[in-house]
Every structure is written in C-alpha cells, then in structure tokens.
Amino acid sequence: MLSGQRDPMLVPEISQHEVRVRQGFTGTELLLFGAVFDPSGRGGATDYDIVVVLKGPSEPIRLREKDRVGGIWMNTASEDFRSAPVFFAVASSRPVGEIVDEKTAAIYEFGTDFIQLSPSGVIDPEEQLRFTEGLVDLRRRQGLYKQDLNGVTISEKVLYQARIALPSNVVTGIYTAETFAVFDGRVVASAVSEVAVRKVGFERFIEQSAQNNGLIYGLVAVFLSITTGWLAGRLFAMM
C-alpha cells in the first residue's frame, strides 16, 4: 500500500442474524455481504481480496484414535482439547495461497488447515497435528467444516458477497462471521458480525428441560418410553 495511505473500512452485513431451528429443519444458507470503502474517497480504486471466516461456538472435545489390534478395531489413543469450533467455514475471493503467506493464513485461520485447537495439556506437535487432521476430516464429512476458495465475489472493487450453508445438524449457539480485507499479502481491515442459532418451539423446550431440570427431564423421558412401548404392545395385540 502506498506510503501515507490510510487503511480501508469494512461494512459487513448478514442476511440472517438469527437462525431458528425447529422440527424438520433441513439447513439454511447465509448470505454474507458488504462493502469495502477506500478512505481516500476514490471508490473502487484498489483491488482488495476478501476472506470470510464463519465459526460456530467452541467446546471442549476428546478425540479418540482407533487402530486394528488382533483383527479388532479398538481405541488406542486419545487426546483432550479445551476448545474446538463446532462449525468452521472459510470463503475467499481467490485461493488463500495466492492472497497471503502461510504464516498470515495461520494467524487468521484462513482455511481448515489452519484451525487453532487448544490442547488441555502438553502434547507432541506431530501427535497434535494427527489428531487435528482427524477432527477436520471427520467434520468435513459431516458438513461442519468447509472452505470455498473462490466463494467470495467482488463487484466494482467495492461490494462483496459470499454464501455459506449451515447443515441440518448445525449446533445452536452464537456464531461469529469475521470479514477480512487483504492487500498485497497484508490484512488491512477486519470486521465481525454475529449470528445466533437457536432452537424454537418444542425443540427449545426439550433442550432447556435437559439443561435446567435434568431429573424431571429424565423421569419424563422414561415415562414416555414406557408409555410408547405399552401402546405399541397393545396395538400389536389387537391386530
């Protein structure tokens, strides 16, 4: 960037700031869009790249590694991590390797290869890498980790947009959408928006009951199971 030139300003927006999960939810698509303004007032004078990182809430996780022992698949190793995002998606205007170097990509988590997990104890770097790659592979297959390296479109060097799909198995919580403007290999502006994913209706009642009234929830679940089994037995007996 030219000497004395001020950094641009990002104005991000999201099509939905709240996603409601109810019975029959099949997933949804978020449109992340906005504008990047040049402080010089020259409009789209500079070619900025845009990278969008959408992350779900983080949670502790225990990863187990299976291996074949005596012809039987068994858990042979495990590792605990204090923090791992339940959802992680990246979209960029070009392949990240063409936008920034690997060090910068790692700092800002520009891709599933750069997700930062926090181990709960001392762990060998090679072992940590193996477990991290295993988690990423598993959640990729579940549709929870993804990247689209040509997923951001930029119009007139000012307006940008990206579409990121949330699958039906998405976890509730607060999601953060971080947008980065990059020029000449350097992040020159960033902005954060939030999306709340919430259960509504009967699903929300069940979730709150399980969290706040565990004993009552358990008794009701047992009662419903017994009642359902009894009714099914009666129906089959009448046939």
Protein backbone atom coordinates (compact mmCIF):
# COMPACT_ATOMS: atom_id res chain seq x y z
CA MET A 1 0.00 0.00 0.00
CA LEU A 2 1.30 3.47 -0.79
CA SER A 3 3.06 5.40 1.97
CA GLY A 4 0.68 7.64 3.91
CA GLN A 5 -2.44 5.93 2.55
CA ARG A 6 -4.94 5.00 5.21
CA ASP A 7 -6.39 1.51 5.52
CA PRO A 8 -9.87 0.82 4.10
CA MET A 9 -13.06 0.42 6.11
CA LEU A 10 -15.24 -2.70 6.02
CA VAL A 11 -19.02 -2.55 6.44
CA PRO A 12 -20.30 -6.16 6.75
CA GLU A 13 -23.86 -7.49 6.88
CA ILE A 14 -25.56 -10.90 7.11
CA SER A 15 -28.86 -11.97 5.59
CA GLN A 16 -29.97 -13.53 8.89
CA HIS A 17 -28.79 -12.53 12.34
CA GLU A 18 -30.91 -15.30 13.84
CA VAL A 19 -31.41 -18.83 12.55
CA ARG A 20 -34.35 -20.67 14.10
CA VAL A 21 -34.07 -24.43 14.33
CA ARG A 22 -37.35 -26.29 14.65
CA GLN A 23 -38.63 -29.77 13.83
CA GLY A 24 -37.90 -30.65 10.21
CA PHE A 25 -35.04 -28.13 9.91
CA THR A 26 -33.05 -29.05 6.78
CA GLY A 27 -30.38 -26.38 6.99
CA THR A 28 -30.17 -22.87 5.63
CA GLU A 29 -27.88 -20.62 3.63
CA LEU A 30 -26.37 -17.41 4.96
CA LEU A 31 -25.53 -14.53 2.65
CA LEU A 32 -22.58 -12.55 3.98
CA PHE A 33 -22.19 -9.30 2.11
CA GLY A 34 -21.00 -5.75 2.49
CA ALA A 35 -18.67 -3.10 1.16
CA VAL A 36 -15.05 -2.09 1.45
CA PHE A 37 -14.53 1.68 1.33
CA ASP A 38 -11.31 3.41 0.36
CA PRO A 39 -10.72 6.26 2.87
CA SER A 40 -9.36 8.40 0.06
CA GLY A 41 -12.89 8.60 -1.32
CA ARG A 42 -11.85 7.25 -4.70
CA GLY A 43 -14.37 4.41 -4.61
CA GLY A 44 -13.08 1.14 -6.03
CA ALA A 45 -9.56 2.39 -6.61
CA THR A 46 -7.75 -0.60 -5.06
CA ASP A 47 -8.04 -4.32 -5.73
CA TYR A 48 -8.70 -5.83 -2.31
CA ASP A 49 -9.14 -9.51 -1.66
CA ILE A 50 -11.85 -10.57 0.79
CA VAL A 51 -11.76 -13.56 3.14
CA VAL A 52 -14.76 -14.52 5.28
CA VAL A 53 -14.43 -16.89 8.26
CA LEU A 54 -17.64 -18.17 9.88
CA LYS A 55 -17.11 -20.02 13.16
CA GLY A 56 -19.54 -21.70 15.49
CA PRO A 57 -19.23 -21.78 19.28
CA SER A 58 -16.21 -23.61 20.67
CA GLU A 59 -16.45 -26.52 23.06
CA PRO A 60 -14.08 -28.96 24.79
CA ILE A 61 -13.66 -32.23 22.95
CA ARG A 62 -11.96 -35.59 23.44
CA LEU A 63 -10.61 -37.20 20.29
CA ARG A 64 -10.05 -40.94 20.16
CA GLU A 65 -7.88 -42.75 17.65
CA LYS A 66 -8.81 -46.24 16.54
CA ASP A 67 -6.37 -48.89 15.38
CA ARG A 68 -6.62 -52.52 14.41
CA VAL A 69 -5.40 -54.74 17.26
CA GLY A 70 -5.57 -58.51 16.78
CA GLY A 71 -8.10 -58.09 13.98
CA ILE A 72 -10.37 -55.89 16.11
CA TRP A 73 -10.74 -52.11 15.83
CA MET A 74 -10.05 -50.57 19.25
CA ASN A 75 -9.44 -47.14 20.76
CA THR A 76 -5.68 -46.98 21.16
CA ALA A 77 -5.06 -43.30 21.90
CA SER A 78 -6.98 -40.20 22.92
CA GLU A 79 -6.37 -36.51 23.36
CA ASP A 80 -8.33 -33.72 25.05
CA PHE A 81 -8.69 -30.23 23.61
CA ARG A 82 -10.07 -27.30 25.61
CA SER A 83 -11.52 -25.54 22.58
CA ALA A 84 -12.66 -26.65 19.12
CA PRO A 85 -15.24 -24.86 16.94
CA VAL A 86 -18.36 -26.91 16.26
CA PHE A 87 -18.64 -25.25 12.83
CA PHE A 88 -15.96 -23.67 10.66
CA ALA A 89 -16.25 -22.30 7.13
CA VAL A 90 -13.99 -20.11 5.01
CA ALA A 91 -14.78 -18.34 1.74
CA SER A 92 -12.30 -16.21 -0.18
CA SER A 93 -12.12 -14.24 -3.40
CA ARG A 94 -9.13 -16.29 -4.57
CA PRO A 95 -7.25 -19.33 -3.28
CA VAL A 96 -5.78 -18.31 0.07
CA GLY A 97 -2.27 -19.32 -1.04
CA GLU A 98 -2.46 -16.59 -3.69
CA ILE A 99 -3.62 -13.95 -1.19
CA VAL A 100 -1.36 -14.34 1.86
CA ASP A 101 1.61 -16.39 3.00
CA GLU A 102 1.21 -19.46 5.20
CA LYS A 103 2.14 -17.61 8.40
CA THR A 104 -0.57 -14.98 7.89
CA ALA A 105 -3.11 -17.67 6.96
CA ALA A 106 -2.31 -19.50 10.21
CA ILE A 107 -2.69 -16.34 12.32
CA TYR A 108 -6.16 -15.57 10.95
CA GLU A 109 -7.28 -19.20 10.40
CA PHE A 110 -7.77 -18.75 6.65
CA GLY A 111 -8.73 -22.37 5.97
CA THR A 112 -9.45 -25.71 7.56
CA ASP A 113 -5.72 -26.47 7.52
CA PHE A 114 -5.19 -23.59 9.93
CA ILE A 115 -7.82 -24.24 12.60
CA GLN A 116 -6.34 -23.50 16.01
CA LEU A 117 -7.16 -26.07 18.67
CA SER A 118 -6.10 -25.69 22.31
CA PRO A 119 -4.81 -28.95 23.82
CA SER A 120 -5.57 -29.39 27.52
CA GLY A 121 -2.02 -30.47 28.31
CA VAL A 122 1.43 -30.97 26.87
CA ILE A 123 1.25 -32.80 23.56
CA ASP A 124 3.79 -33.75 20.94
CA PRO A 125 3.40 -31.44 17.89
CA GLU A 126 3.22 -34.36 15.45
CA GLU A 127 0.57 -36.06 17.56
CA GLN A 128 -1.42 -32.83 17.81
CA LEU A 129 -1.28 -32.44 14.04
CA ARG A 130 -2.50 -36.01 13.55
CA PHE A 131 -5.47 -35.55 15.88
CA THR A 132 -6.30 -32.15 14.36
CA GLU A 133 -6.31 -33.59 10.85
CA GLY A 134 -8.55 -36.42 12.07
CA LEU A 135 -11.06 -33.97 13.57
CA VAL A 136 -11.07 -31.82 10.42
CA ASP A 137 -11.62 -34.85 8.20
CA LEU A 138 -14.49 -36.11 10.38
CA ARG A 139 -16.28 -32.78 10.48
CA ARG A 140 -15.73 -32.18 6.78
CA ARG A 141 -17.63 -35.39 6.10
CA GLN A 142 -20.37 -34.19 8.47
CA GLY A 143 -20.62 -30.90 6.56
CA LEU A 144 -19.47 -28.89 9.59
CA TYR A 145 -16.03 -27.84 8.31
CA LYS A 146 -15.72 -26.46 4.79
CA GLN A 147 -13.91 -23.97 2.60
CA ASP A 148 -14.65 -22.36 -0.74
CA LEU A 149 -11.52 -20.74 -2.13
CA ASN A 150 -13.47 -18.90 -4.83
CA GLY A 151 -16.58 -18.30 -2.76
CA VAL A 152 -16.43 -14.51 -2.49
CA THR A 153 -17.46 -12.35 -5.43
CA ILE A 154 -16.44 -8.69 -5.58
CA SER A 155 -18.27 -6.10 -7.72
CA GLU A 156 -16.79 -2.78 -8.81
CA LYS A 157 -13.94 -3.35 -6.31
CA VAL A 158 -16.36 -2.26 -3.56
CA LEU A 159 -19.22 -4.70 -2.95
CA TYR A 160 -18.63 -8.30 -1.93
CA GLN A 161 -20.79 -11.30 -1.12
CA ALA A 162 -20.38 -14.92 -0.07
CA ARG A 163 -22.84 -17.72 0.58
CA ILE A 164 -22.21 -20.27 3.33
CA ALA A 165 -24.58 -23.17 4.01
CA LEU A 166 -25.44 -24.28 7.52
CA PRO A 167 -26.31 -28.01 7.55
CA SER A 168 -29.27 -29.59 9.31
CA ASN A 169 -27.00 -30.91 12.09
CA VAL A 170 -25.79 -27.42 13.00
CA VAL A 171 -25.26 -26.81 16.73
CA THR A 172 -27.05 -23.97 18.50
CA GLY A 173 -25.13 -21.01 19.87
CA ILE A 174 -23.53 -17.73 18.79
CA TYR A 175 -21.61 -17.82 15.51
CA THR A 176 -19.08 -15.17 14.53
CA ALA A 177 -18.55 -14.02 10.96
CA GLU A 178 -15.17 -12.34 10.54
CA THR A 179 -14.53 -10.48 7.30
CA PHE A 180 -11.01 -9.51 6.26
CA ALA A 181 -9.80 -7.17 3.53
CA VAL A 182 -6.35 -8.11 2.24
CA PHE A 183 -4.00 -6.08 0.07
CA ASP A 184 -0.50 -7.04 -1.05
CA GLY A 185 -0.42 -10.02 1.32
CA ARG A 186 -1.42 -7.99 4.38
CA VAL A 187 -4.70 -7.86 6.29
CA VAL A 188 -5.60 -4.16 6.14
CA ALA A 189 -9.11 -4.21 7.65
CA SER A 190 -11.41 -6.58 9.51
CA ALA A 191 -14.91 -6.58 10.95
CA VAL A 192 -17.03 -9.01 12.97
CA SER A 193 -20.74 -9.82 12.87
CA GLU A 194 -22.73 -12.37 14.86
CA VAL A 195 -25.40 -14.94 14.04
CA ALA A 196 -27.48 -16.61 16.75
CA VAL A 197 -28.60 -20.17 16.03
CA ARG A 198 -31.47 -21.06 18.37
CA LYS A 199 -33.94 -23.86 18.81
CA VAL A 200 -37.58 -22.77 18.94
CA GLY A 201 -40.86 -24.43 19.80
CA PHE A 202 -40.93 -27.91 21.30
CA GLU A 203 -37.24 -28.48 20.47
CA ARG A 204 -36.28 -25.47 22.61
CA PHE A 205 -38.44 -26.74 25.48
CA ILE A 206 -36.70 -30.12 25.34
CA GLU A 207 -33.23 -28.51 25.26
CA GLN A 208 -33.96 -26.19 28.18
CA SER A 209 -35.51 -29.00 30.21
CA ALA A 210 -32.48 -31.23 29.66
CA GLN A 211 -30.11 -28.43 30.74
CA ASN A 212 -32.04 -26.89 33.64
CA ASN A 213 -34.16 -29.75 35.00
CA GLY A 214 -32.18 -32.89 34.36
CA LEU A 215 -34.02 -35.08 36.88
CA ILE A 216 -37.51 -34.11 35.68
CA TYR A 217 -36.41 -34.43 32.05
CA GLY A 218 -35.07 -37.93 32.72
CA LEU A 219 -38.24 -39.04 34.51
CA VAL A 220 -40.45 -37.69 31.71
CA ALA A 221 -38.26 -39.41 29.09
CA VAL A 222 -38.56 -42.74 30.93
CA PHE A 223 -42.33 -42.29 31.31
CA LEU A 224 -42.74 -41.54 27.61
CA SER A 225 -40.62 -44.55 26.65
CA ILE A 226 -42.67 -46.89 28.85
CA THR A 227 -45.97 -45.41 27.63
CA THR A 228 -44.94 -45.65 23.98
CA GLY A 229 -43.85 -49.27 24.42
CA TRP A 230 -47.09 -50.16 26.20
CA LEU A 231 -49.21 -48.54 23.48
CA ALA A 232 -47.26 -50.30 20.74
CA GLY A 233 -47.75 -53.63 22.53
CA ARG A 234 -51.49 -53.03 22.84
CA LEU A 235 -51.81 -52.13 19.15
CA PHE A 236 -49.94 -55.26 18.03
CA ALA A 237 -52.05 -57.39 20.38
CA MET A 238 -55.25 -56.06 18.77
CA MET A 239 -54.08 -56.84 15.23
